[in-house]
């Protein structure tokens, strides 16, 4: 196993040097970039899978912590969605609390934005001519 790590380490050093060559090359070779070495290809697949699994677990822990912090700082009034991830929550639970007055207000805002954008486009297209 240590031979595999040593090989991957050496490949990483060589890849770094080849990356430096690519960054300082004036004209790209027809064969493509000089850096074609993937240090992970020198490791056993089980080791690479273990690293990928660890990274996925770390991302999941961070996402869970961020979700907990978001729920702590901005609690949701509907307790049924507390254990669900934001992606699995249904849109109907979000839109059910929107009042008709809010919708009318948002429509006015969107119409105002639309009008402003149209004026901006008209100004830009007439000033280019």
N, C-alpha and C. Protein backbone atom coordinates (compact mmCIF):
# COMPACT_ATOMS: atom_id res chain seq x y z
N UNK A 1 0.83 -1.19 0.00
CA UNK A 1 0.00 0.00 0.00
C UNK A 1 0.88 1.25 0.00
N UNK A 2 2.02 1.23 0.74
CA UNK A 2 2.87 2.42 0.79
C UNK A 2 3.53 2.67 -0.56
N UNK A 3 3.78 1.60 -1.35
CA UNK A 3 4.32 1.79 -2.69
C UNK A 3 3.33 2.54 -3.58
N UNK A 4 2.03 2.22 -3.41
CA UNK A 4 1.00 2.90 -4.18
C UNK A 4 0.95 4.38 -3.83
N UNK A 5 1.04 4.68 -2.54
CA UNK A 5 1.03 6.08 -2.11
C UNK A 5 2.27 6.81 -2.61
N UNK A 6 3.43 6.15 -2.56
CA UNK A 6 4.66 6.77 -3.05
C UNK A 6 4.55 7.04 -4.55
N UNK A 7 3.99 6.09 -5.29
CA UNK A 7 3.80 6.29 -6.73
C UNK A 7 2.86 7.45 -7.01
N UNK A 8 1.77 7.52 -6.26
CA UNK A 8 0.82 8.61 -6.45
C UNK A 8 1.45 9.95 -6.09
N UNK A 9 2.28 9.96 -5.05
CA UNK A 9 2.96 11.19 -4.65
C UNK A 9 3.90 11.66 -5.75
N UNK A 10 4.67 10.72 -6.30
CA UNK A 10 5.59 11.08 -7.39
C UNK A 10 4.81 11.55 -8.62
N UNK A 11 3.72 10.88 -8.93
CA UNK A 11 2.89 11.29 -10.06
C UNK A 11 2.33 12.69 -9.84
N UNK A 12 1.99 13.00 -8.60
CA UNK A 12 1.48 14.33 -8.27
C UNK A 12 2.56 15.39 -8.48
N UNK A 13 3.79 15.07 -8.09
CA UNK A 13 4.89 16.02 -8.31
C UNK A 13 5.13 16.25 -9.79
N UNK A 14 5.14 15.16 -10.56
CA UNK A 14 5.35 15.28 -12.00
C UNK A 14 4.20 16.04 -12.64
N UNK A 15 2.96 15.74 -12.22
CA UNK A 15 1.80 16.44 -12.77
C UNK A 15 1.88 17.93 -12.47
N UNK A 16 2.36 18.28 -11.29
CA UNK A 16 2.51 19.69 -10.95
C UNK A 16 3.51 20.39 -11.86
N UNK A 17 4.61 19.70 -12.15
CA UNK A 17 5.60 20.26 -13.06
C UNK A 17 5.03 20.38 -14.47
N UNK A 18 4.29 19.39 -14.91
CA UNK A 18 3.68 19.45 -16.24
C UNK A 18 2.64 20.56 -16.31
N UNK A 19 1.91 20.78 -15.22
CA UNK A 19 0.95 21.88 -15.17
C UNK A 19 1.67 23.21 -15.32
N UNK A 20 2.83 23.31 -14.69
CA UNK A 20 3.64 24.52 -14.81
C UNK A 20 4.08 24.73 -16.26
N UNK A 21 4.48 23.64 -16.93
CA UNK A 21 4.85 23.71 -18.35
C UNK A 21 3.67 24.21 -19.16
N UNK A 22 2.47 23.64 -18.91
CA UNK A 22 1.28 24.07 -19.66
C UNK A 22 0.98 25.54 -19.45
N UNK A 23 1.13 26.02 -18.22
CA UNK A 23 0.82 27.42 -17.92
C UNK A 23 1.81 28.38 -18.58
N UNK A 24 3.03 27.92 -18.81
CA UNK A 24 4.06 28.80 -19.37
C UNK A 24 4.33 28.55 -20.85
N UNK A 25 3.56 27.69 -21.46
CA UNK A 25 3.72 27.41 -22.88
C UNK A 25 3.05 28.51 -23.69
N UNK A 26 3.77 29.02 -24.67
CA UNK A 26 3.24 30.10 -25.50
C UNK A 26 2.19 29.57 -26.45
N UNK A 27 2.47 28.43 -27.08
CA UNK A 27 1.53 27.86 -28.05
C UNK A 27 1.21 26.44 -27.64
N UNK A 28 -0.08 26.10 -27.64
CA UNK A 28 -0.52 24.77 -27.23
C UNK A 28 -0.08 23.73 -28.26
N UNK A 29 0.40 22.62 -27.80
CA UNK A 29 0.80 21.53 -28.68
C UNK A 29 -0.42 20.90 -29.34
N UNK A 30 -0.23 20.38 -30.54
CA UNK A 30 -1.32 19.70 -31.24
C UNK A 30 -1.72 18.42 -30.50
N UNK A 31 -0.83 17.91 -29.67
CA UNK A 31 -1.11 16.69 -28.90
C UNK A 31 -1.91 16.98 -27.63
N UNK A 32 -2.12 18.24 -27.35
CA UNK A 32 -2.89 18.61 -26.16
C UNK A 32 -1.97 19.03 -25.04
N UNK A 33 -2.51 19.16 -23.84
CA UNK A 33 -1.71 19.64 -22.71
C UNK A 33 -0.65 18.60 -22.31
N UNK A 34 0.41 19.10 -21.70
CA UNK A 34 1.48 18.21 -21.23
C UNK A 34 1.02 17.41 -20.01
N UNK A 35 0.17 18.03 -19.21
CA UNK A 35 -0.28 17.36 -17.98
C UNK A 35 -1.40 16.38 -18.32
N UNK A 36 -1.03 15.13 -18.42
CA UNK A 36 -2.01 14.08 -18.67
C UNK A 36 -1.96 13.02 -17.57
N UNK A 37 -1.23 13.30 -16.53
CA UNK A 37 -1.08 12.35 -15.44
C UNK A 37 -2.13 12.62 -14.38
N UNK A 38 -2.85 11.57 -14.00
CA UNK A 38 -3.79 11.64 -12.90
C UNK A 38 -3.21 10.85 -11.73
N UNK A 39 -2.75 11.52 -10.68
CA UNK A 39 -2.13 10.80 -9.56
C UNK A 39 -3.03 9.74 -8.94
N UNK A 40 -4.34 9.95 -8.99
CA UNK A 40 -5.25 8.97 -8.39
C UNK A 40 -5.26 7.65 -9.15
N UNK A 41 -4.83 7.68 -10.42
CA UNK A 41 -4.80 6.44 -11.19
C UNK A 41 -3.72 5.49 -10.67
N UNK A 42 -2.80 5.98 -9.85
CA UNK A 42 -1.75 5.13 -9.28
C UNK A 42 -2.19 4.46 -7.98
N UNK A 43 -3.35 4.85 -7.47
CA UNK A 43 -3.86 4.29 -6.22
C UNK A 43 -4.83 3.15 -6.51
N UNK A 44 -4.93 2.19 -5.58
CA UNK A 44 -5.93 1.13 -5.75
C UNK A 44 -7.34 1.73 -5.73
N UNK A 45 -8.25 1.14 -6.49
CA UNK A 45 -9.60 1.69 -6.59
C UNK A 45 -10.30 1.73 -5.24
N UNK A 46 -10.01 0.79 -4.37
CA UNK A 46 -10.64 0.79 -3.04
C UNK A 46 -10.24 2.03 -2.25
N UNK A 47 -8.99 2.46 -2.41
CA UNK A 47 -8.52 3.64 -1.69
C UNK A 47 -9.19 4.90 -2.25
N UNK A 48 -9.34 4.95 -3.57
CA UNK A 48 -9.99 6.10 -4.20
C UNK A 48 -11.46 6.15 -3.80
N UNK A 49 -12.14 4.99 -3.80
CA UNK A 49 -13.54 4.94 -3.38
C UNK A 49 -13.70 5.37 -1.93
N UNK A 50 -12.77 4.96 -1.08
CA UNK A 50 -12.83 5.35 0.33
C UNK A 50 -12.70 6.87 0.46
N UNK A 51 -11.80 7.47 -0.32
CA UNK A 51 -11.63 8.92 -0.28
C UNK A 51 -12.89 9.63 -0.77
N UNK A 52 -13.48 9.12 -1.85
CA UNK A 52 -14.71 9.71 -2.38
C UNK A 52 -15.83 9.60 -1.35
N UNK A 53 -15.95 8.44 -0.71
CA UNK A 53 -16.98 8.26 0.32
C UNK A 53 -16.76 9.22 1.49
N UNK A 54 -15.51 9.41 1.89
CA UNK A 54 -15.22 10.34 2.97
C UNK A 54 -15.59 11.77 2.59
N UNK A 55 -15.29 12.15 1.35
CA UNK A 55 -15.65 13.50 0.89
C UNK A 55 -17.16 13.67 0.84
N UNK A 56 -17.87 12.64 0.37
CA UNK A 56 -19.33 12.72 0.33
C UNK A 56 -19.92 12.81 1.73
N UNK A 57 -19.38 12.05 2.67
CA UNK A 57 -19.85 12.12 4.06
C UNK A 57 -19.58 13.51 4.64
N UNK A 58 -18.42 14.07 4.33
CA UNK A 58 -18.08 15.41 4.83
C UNK A 58 -19.06 16.44 4.27
N UNK A 59 -19.35 16.35 2.96
CA UNK A 59 -20.32 17.27 2.36
C UNK A 59 -21.69 17.12 3.00
N UNK A 60 -22.09 15.88 3.24
CA UNK A 60 -23.40 15.62 3.85
C UNK A 60 -23.45 16.20 5.26
N UNK A 61 -22.38 16.00 6.03
CA UNK A 61 -22.34 16.56 7.40
C UNK A 61 -22.43 18.08 7.37
N UNK A 62 -21.72 18.70 6.42
CA UNK A 62 -21.75 20.17 6.32
C UNK A 62 -23.15 20.63 5.92
N UNK A 63 -23.75 19.94 4.94
CA UNK A 63 -25.11 20.31 4.52
C UNK A 63 -26.10 20.14 5.66
N UNK A 64 -25.98 19.05 6.41
CA UNK A 64 -26.88 18.83 7.55
C UNK A 64 -26.70 19.91 8.60
N UNK A 65 -25.46 20.28 8.85
CA UNK A 65 -25.19 21.33 9.84
C UNK A 65 -25.75 22.68 9.37
N UNK A 66 -25.59 22.97 8.09
CA UNK A 66 -26.14 24.22 7.56
C UNK A 66 -27.66 24.22 7.63
N UNK A 67 -28.28 23.07 7.34
CA UNK A 67 -29.73 22.97 7.43
C UNK A 67 -30.21 23.16 8.87
N UNK A 68 -29.48 22.53 9.82
CA UNK A 68 -29.85 22.70 11.24
C UNK A 68 -29.73 24.16 11.66
N UNK A 69 -28.64 24.81 11.22
CA UNK A 69 -28.44 26.21 11.57
C UNK A 69 -29.53 27.09 10.95
N UNK A 70 -29.89 26.78 9.71
CA UNK A 70 -30.96 27.55 9.05
C UNK A 70 -32.28 27.36 9.78
N UNK A 71 -32.58 26.14 10.18
CA UNK A 71 -33.83 25.89 10.89
C UNK A 71 -33.81 26.53 12.28
N UNK A 72 -32.62 26.59 12.90
CA UNK A 72 -32.51 27.20 14.22
C UNK A 72 -32.72 28.71 14.14
N UNK A 73 -32.13 29.33 13.11
CA UNK A 73 -32.23 30.79 13.01
C UNK A 73 -33.51 31.26 12.36
N UNK A 74 -34.10 30.42 11.50
CA UNK A 74 -35.35 30.76 10.81
C UNK A 74 -36.31 29.58 10.91
N UNK A 75 -36.88 29.36 12.08
CA UNK A 75 -37.75 28.18 12.23
C UNK A 75 -38.97 28.27 11.32
N UNK A 76 -39.35 27.13 10.82
CA UNK A 76 -40.52 27.01 9.94
C UNK A 76 -41.74 26.78 10.80
N UNK A 77 -42.83 27.45 10.50
CA UNK A 77 -44.03 27.34 11.35
C UNK A 77 -44.69 25.98 11.21
N UNK A 78 -44.48 25.29 10.10
CA UNK A 78 -45.07 23.97 9.88
C UNK A 78 -44.09 22.92 10.37
N UNK A 79 -44.38 22.24 11.46
CA UNK A 79 -43.45 21.29 12.05
C UNK A 79 -43.34 20.00 11.26
N UNK A 80 -44.20 19.78 10.28
CA UNK A 80 -44.12 18.53 9.50
C UNK A 80 -42.92 18.52 8.58
N UNK A 81 -42.38 19.64 8.20
CA UNK A 81 -41.26 19.69 7.27
C UNK A 81 -39.91 19.82 7.94
N UNK A 82 -39.84 19.72 9.27
CA UNK A 82 -38.58 19.92 9.97
C UNK A 82 -37.54 18.87 9.63
N UNK A 83 -37.93 17.62 9.49
CA UNK A 83 -36.96 16.56 9.24
C UNK A 83 -36.70 16.34 7.75
N UNK A 84 -37.41 17.03 6.89
CA UNK A 84 -37.22 16.86 5.47
C UNK A 84 -36.14 17.80 4.99
N UNK A 85 -35.42 17.37 3.95
CA UNK A 85 -34.44 18.26 3.35
C UNK A 85 -35.19 19.29 2.52
N UNK A 86 -34.60 20.47 2.27
CA UNK A 86 -35.29 21.50 1.51
C UNK A 86 -35.71 21.03 0.12
N UNK A 87 -34.96 20.13 -0.49
CA UNK A 87 -35.31 19.64 -1.81
C UNK A 87 -36.56 18.79 -1.80
N UNK A 88 -36.83 18.10 -0.69
CA UNK A 88 -37.98 17.21 -0.67
C UNK A 88 -39.25 17.90 -0.19
N UNK A 89 -39.13 19.15 0.27
CA UNK A 89 -40.32 19.87 0.71
C UNK A 89 -41.20 20.18 -0.48
N UNK A 90 -42.48 20.12 -0.28
CA UNK A 90 -43.40 20.39 -1.37
C UNK A 90 -43.62 21.89 -1.51
N UNK A 91 -43.75 22.33 -2.73
CA UNK A 91 -43.96 23.75 -3.02
C UNK A 91 -45.26 24.24 -2.40
N UNK A 92 -46.25 23.37 -2.32
CA UNK A 92 -47.54 23.79 -1.80
C UNK A 92 -47.43 24.28 -0.36
N UNK A 93 -46.53 23.72 0.44
CA UNK A 93 -46.37 24.18 1.81
C UNK A 93 -45.77 25.58 1.85
N UNK A 94 -44.99 25.90 0.85
CA UNK A 94 -44.38 27.23 0.81
C UNK A 94 -45.39 28.26 0.33
N UNK A 95 -46.14 27.93 -0.72
CA UNK A 95 -47.05 28.91 -1.30
C UNK A 95 -48.37 29.03 -0.55
N UNK A 96 -48.66 28.10 0.34
CA UNK A 96 -49.93 28.17 1.05
C UNK A 96 -50.03 29.38 1.97
N UNK A 97 -48.88 29.89 2.42
CA UNK A 97 -48.91 31.03 3.33
C UNK A 97 -48.90 32.37 2.60
N UNK A 98 -48.84 32.36 1.28
CA UNK A 98 -48.82 33.61 0.50
C UNK A 98 -50.25 34.12 0.35
N UNK A 99 -50.45 35.35 0.73
CA UNK A 99 -51.77 35.96 0.65
C UNK A 99 -52.01 36.51 -0.75
N UNK A 100 -53.27 36.70 -1.11
CA UNK A 100 -53.62 37.27 -2.41
C UNK A 100 -53.06 38.68 -2.55
N UNK A 101 -53.05 39.43 -1.44
CA UNK A 101 -52.50 40.78 -1.47
C UNK A 101 -51.00 40.73 -1.80
N UNK A 102 -50.30 39.74 -1.24
CA UNK A 102 -48.88 39.59 -1.52
C UNK A 102 -48.65 39.28 -2.99
N UNK A 103 -49.50 38.44 -3.56
CA UNK A 103 -49.37 38.08 -4.96
C UNK A 103 -49.59 39.31 -5.84
N UNK A 104 -50.60 40.09 -5.50
CA UNK A 104 -50.87 41.31 -6.27
C UNK A 104 -49.70 42.28 -6.17
N UNK A 105 -49.14 42.39 -4.98
CA UNK A 105 -47.99 43.27 -4.78
C UNK A 105 -46.78 42.78 -5.58
N UNK A 106 -46.55 41.49 -5.58
CA UNK A 106 -45.43 40.93 -6.34
C UNK A 106 -45.64 41.14 -7.84
N UNK A 107 -46.88 40.99 -8.30
CA UNK A 107 -47.15 41.21 -9.72
C UNK A 107 -46.85 42.65 -10.13
N UNK A 108 -47.21 43.61 -9.26
CA UNK A 108 -46.90 45.00 -9.54
C UNK A 108 -45.39 45.21 -9.63
N UNK A 109 -44.67 44.58 -8.73
CA UNK A 109 -43.21 44.71 -8.74
C UNK A 109 -42.63 44.12 -10.01
N UNK A 110 -43.11 42.92 -10.40
CA UNK A 110 -42.62 42.29 -11.62
C UNK A 110 -42.94 43.12 -12.85
N UNK A 111 -44.13 43.73 -12.88
CA UNK A 111 -44.49 44.57 -14.02
C UNK A 111 -43.59 45.79 -14.07
N UNK A 112 -43.27 46.35 -12.92
CA UNK A 112 -42.38 47.50 -12.86
C UNK A 112 -40.98 47.12 -13.35
N UNK A 113 -40.50 45.96 -12.93
CA UNK A 113 -39.19 45.49 -13.39
C UNK A 113 -39.21 45.27 -14.89
N UNK A 114 -40.29 44.66 -15.37
CA UNK A 114 -40.43 44.41 -16.82
C UNK A 114 -40.39 45.72 -17.59
N UNK A 115 -41.12 46.71 -17.14
CA UNK A 115 -41.15 48.02 -17.80
C UNK A 115 -39.77 48.65 -17.80
N UNK A 116 -39.09 48.59 -16.66
CA UNK A 116 -37.75 49.17 -16.57
C UNK A 116 -36.78 48.48 -17.51
N UNK A 117 -36.86 47.15 -17.57
CA UNK A 117 -35.97 46.41 -18.46
C UNK A 117 -36.24 46.75 -19.93
N UNK A 118 -37.52 46.89 -20.28
CA UNK A 118 -37.86 47.25 -21.65
C UNK A 118 -37.31 48.63 -22.01
N UNK A 119 -37.42 49.57 -21.06
CA UNK A 119 -36.88 50.91 -21.29
C UNK A 119 -35.36 50.86 -21.45
N UNK A 120 -34.72 50.05 -20.65
CA UNK A 120 -33.27 49.92 -20.71
C UNK A 120 -32.84 49.33 -22.04
N UNK A 121 -33.52 48.28 -22.48
CA UNK A 121 -33.21 47.66 -23.77
C UNK A 121 -33.43 48.65 -24.91
N UNK A 122 -34.53 49.38 -24.85
CA UNK A 122 -34.81 50.37 -25.89
C UNK A 122 -33.72 51.43 -25.92
N UNK A 123 -33.31 51.89 -24.74
CA UNK A 123 -32.26 52.90 -24.66
C UNK A 123 -30.95 52.35 -25.23
N UNK A 124 -30.61 51.14 -24.88
CA UNK A 124 -29.36 50.55 -25.35
C UNK A 124 -29.36 50.32 -26.85
N UNK A 125 -30.49 49.86 -27.37
CA UNK A 125 -30.54 49.58 -28.81
C UNK A 125 -30.57 50.87 -29.63
N UNK A 126 -31.20 51.93 -29.11
CA UNK A 126 -31.24 53.19 -29.86
C UNK A 126 -29.92 53.94 -29.74
N UNK A 127 -29.21 53.80 -28.64
CA UNK A 127 -27.94 54.50 -28.49
C UNK A 127 -26.81 53.84 -29.27
N UNK A 128 -26.96 52.55 -29.60
CA UNK A 128 -25.95 51.86 -30.40
C UNK A 128 -26.04 52.27 -31.86
N UNK A 129 -27.20 52.63 -32.31
CA UNK A 129 -27.39 52.96 -33.73
C UNK A 129 -26.82 54.31 -34.09
